[in-house]
Amino acid sequence: MKDGTRVIFWLDTALVLVVAILVLMRQWDYVVALLIGLLVMNYFGPWRRRR
């Protein structure tokens, strides 16, 4: 799609697969780091657009 929805879908799918693989490998430190990184990115994304 021209709005970039397809790219975001595949990035999200890849991220879910990576997290699932890390959980199966019991690499919890990477899982926690990814979740914290995603939370920070989601928090600062809208904040940055307002300015």
N, C-alpha and C. Protein backbone atom coordinates (compact mmCIF):
# COMPACT_ATOMS: atom_id res chain seq x y z
N MET A 1 0.84 -1.18 0.00
CA MET A 1 0.00 0.00 0.00
C MET A 1 0.88 1.24 0.00
N LYS A 2 0.37 2.30 -0.54
CA LYS A 2 1.18 3.51 -0.69
C LYS A 2 1.39 4.27 0.61
N ASP A 3 0.57 4.00 1.62
CA ASP A 3 0.72 4.71 2.88
C ASP A 3 1.74 4.07 3.81
N GLY A 4 2.38 3.01 3.40
CA GLY A 4 3.41 2.37 4.21
C GLY A 4 2.89 1.35 5.19
N THR A 5 1.62 1.02 5.11
CA THR A 5 1.02 0.07 6.05
C THR A 5 1.65 -1.31 5.91
N ARG A 6 1.92 -1.72 4.70
CA ARG A 6 2.48 -3.05 4.47
C ARG A 6 3.87 -3.17 5.09
N VAL A 7 4.68 -2.12 4.98
CA VAL A 7 6.03 -2.14 5.57
C VAL A 7 5.94 -2.25 7.09
N ILE A 8 5.06 -1.48 7.69
CA ILE A 8 4.90 -1.52 9.14
C ILE A 8 4.41 -2.90 9.58
N PHE A 9 3.51 -3.50 8.81
CA PHE A 9 3.02 -4.84 9.15
C PHE A 9 4.16 -5.83 9.19
N TRP A 10 5.02 -5.82 8.18
CA TRP A 10 6.13 -6.79 8.14
C TRP A 10 7.17 -6.50 9.21
N LEU A 11 7.40 -5.23 9.52
CA LEU A 11 8.32 -4.91 10.62
C LEU A 11 7.76 -5.40 11.95
N ASP A 12 6.48 -5.19 12.18
CA ASP A 12 5.86 -5.68 13.41
C ASP A 12 5.88 -7.20 13.49
N THR A 13 5.62 -7.86 12.37
CA THR A 13 5.65 -9.32 12.34
C THR A 13 7.06 -9.83 12.65
N ALA A 14 8.06 -9.20 12.05
CA ALA A 14 9.45 -9.61 12.31
C ALA A 14 9.81 -9.39 13.77
N LEU A 15 9.36 -8.28 14.35
CA LEU A 15 9.66 -8.00 15.75
C LEU A 15 9.02 -9.03 16.67
N VAL A 16 7.79 -9.41 16.38
CA VAL A 16 7.12 -10.44 17.19
C VAL A 16 7.85 -11.77 17.09
N LEU A 17 8.30 -12.12 15.89
CA LEU A 17 9.05 -13.37 15.72
C LEU A 17 10.38 -13.33 16.48
N VAL A 18 11.07 -12.20 16.42
CA VAL A 18 12.34 -12.07 17.14
C VAL A 18 12.12 -12.21 18.64
N VAL A 19 11.08 -11.55 19.15
CA VAL A 19 10.79 -11.64 20.59
C VAL A 19 10.42 -13.08 20.96
N ALA A 20 9.64 -13.75 20.12
CA ALA A 20 9.27 -15.15 20.41
C ALA A 20 10.50 -16.04 20.43
N ILE A 21 11.41 -15.85 19.50
CA ILE A 21 12.65 -16.65 19.47
C ILE A 21 13.49 -16.37 20.71
N LEU A 22 13.59 -15.10 21.09
CA LEU A 22 14.36 -14.75 22.29
C LEU A 22 13.75 -15.36 23.54
N VAL A 23 12.42 -15.39 23.62
CA VAL A 23 11.75 -16.02 24.77
C VAL A 23 12.05 -17.51 24.80
N LEU A 24 11.97 -18.15 23.64
CA LEU A 24 12.26 -19.59 23.59
C LEU A 24 13.70 -19.89 23.97
N MET A 25 14.62 -18.97 23.65
CA MET A 25 16.02 -19.15 24.00
C MET A 25 16.32 -18.67 25.42
N ARG A 26 15.29 -18.18 26.11
CA ARG A 26 15.40 -17.66 27.48
C ARG A 26 16.39 -16.51 27.60
N GLN A 27 16.36 -15.63 26.63
CA GLN A 27 17.19 -14.42 26.64
C GLN A 27 16.34 -13.25 27.15
N TRP A 28 15.99 -13.31 28.42
CA TRP A 28 15.05 -12.35 28.97
C TRP A 28 15.59 -10.93 28.99
N ASP A 29 16.91 -10.77 29.12
CA ASP A 29 17.45 -9.41 29.15
C ASP A 29 17.21 -8.69 27.83
N TYR A 30 17.30 -9.40 26.70
CA TYR A 30 17.03 -8.78 25.41
C TYR A 30 15.54 -8.49 25.23
N VAL A 31 14.69 -9.37 25.74
CA VAL A 31 13.25 -9.15 25.65
C VAL A 31 12.86 -7.90 26.44
N VAL A 32 13.37 -7.77 27.64
CA VAL A 32 13.07 -6.61 28.47
C VAL A 32 13.63 -5.34 27.82
N ALA A 33 14.84 -5.41 27.27
CA ALA A 33 15.42 -4.24 26.61
C ALA A 33 14.60 -3.82 25.40
N LEU A 34 14.11 -4.78 24.62
CA LEU A 34 13.26 -4.45 23.47
C LEU A 34 11.95 -3.81 23.92
N LEU A 35 11.34 -4.34 24.96
CA LEU A 35 10.09 -3.77 25.45
C LEU A 35 10.28 -2.35 25.98
N ILE A 36 11.36 -2.12 26.71
CA ILE A 36 11.64 -0.77 27.21
C ILE A 36 11.90 0.17 26.05
N GLY A 37 12.67 -0.29 25.05
CA GLY A 37 12.93 0.54 23.88
C GLY A 37 11.66 0.90 23.13
N LEU A 38 10.77 -0.07 22.97
CA LEU A 38 9.50 0.21 22.28
C LEU A 38 8.63 1.18 23.07
N LEU A 39 8.61 1.04 24.39
CA LEU A 39 7.84 1.97 25.21
C LEU A 39 8.39 3.39 25.10
N VAL A 40 9.70 3.53 25.13
CA VAL A 40 10.32 4.85 25.01
C VAL A 40 10.03 5.45 23.63
N MET A 41 10.15 4.64 22.58
CA MET A 41 9.87 5.15 21.23
C MET A 41 8.41 5.56 21.09
N ASN A 42 7.49 4.80 21.66
CA ASN A 42 6.07 5.15 21.58
C ASN A 42 5.74 6.38 22.41
N TYR A 43 6.48 6.61 23.49
CA TYR A 43 6.24 7.79 24.32
C TYR A 43 6.75 9.05 23.63
N PHE A 44 7.96 9.00 23.08
CA PHE A 44 8.56 10.20 22.52
C PHE A 44 8.10 10.49 21.09
N GLY A 45 7.50 9.53 20.39
CA GLY A 45 7.02 9.77 19.03
C GLY A 45 5.95 10.85 18.99
N PRO A 46 4.84 10.69 19.72
CA PRO A 46 3.81 11.74 19.72
C PRO A 46 4.29 13.04 20.34
N TRP A 47 5.15 12.96 21.35
CA TRP A 47 5.66 14.17 22.00
C TRP A 47 6.47 14.99 21.01
N ARG A 48 7.26 14.34 20.18
CA ARG A 48 8.10 15.03 19.22
C ARG A 48 7.26 15.65 18.10
N ARG A 49 6.17 15.00 17.70
CA ARG A 49 5.32 15.52 16.62
C ARG A 49 4.56 16.76 17.04
N ARG A 50 4.29 16.93 18.33
CA ARG A 50 3.54 18.10 18.79
C ARG A 50 4.34 19.38 18.66
N ARG A 51 5.66 19.28 18.72
CA ARG A 51 6.50 20.49 18.71
C ARG A 51 6.73 21.00 17.33
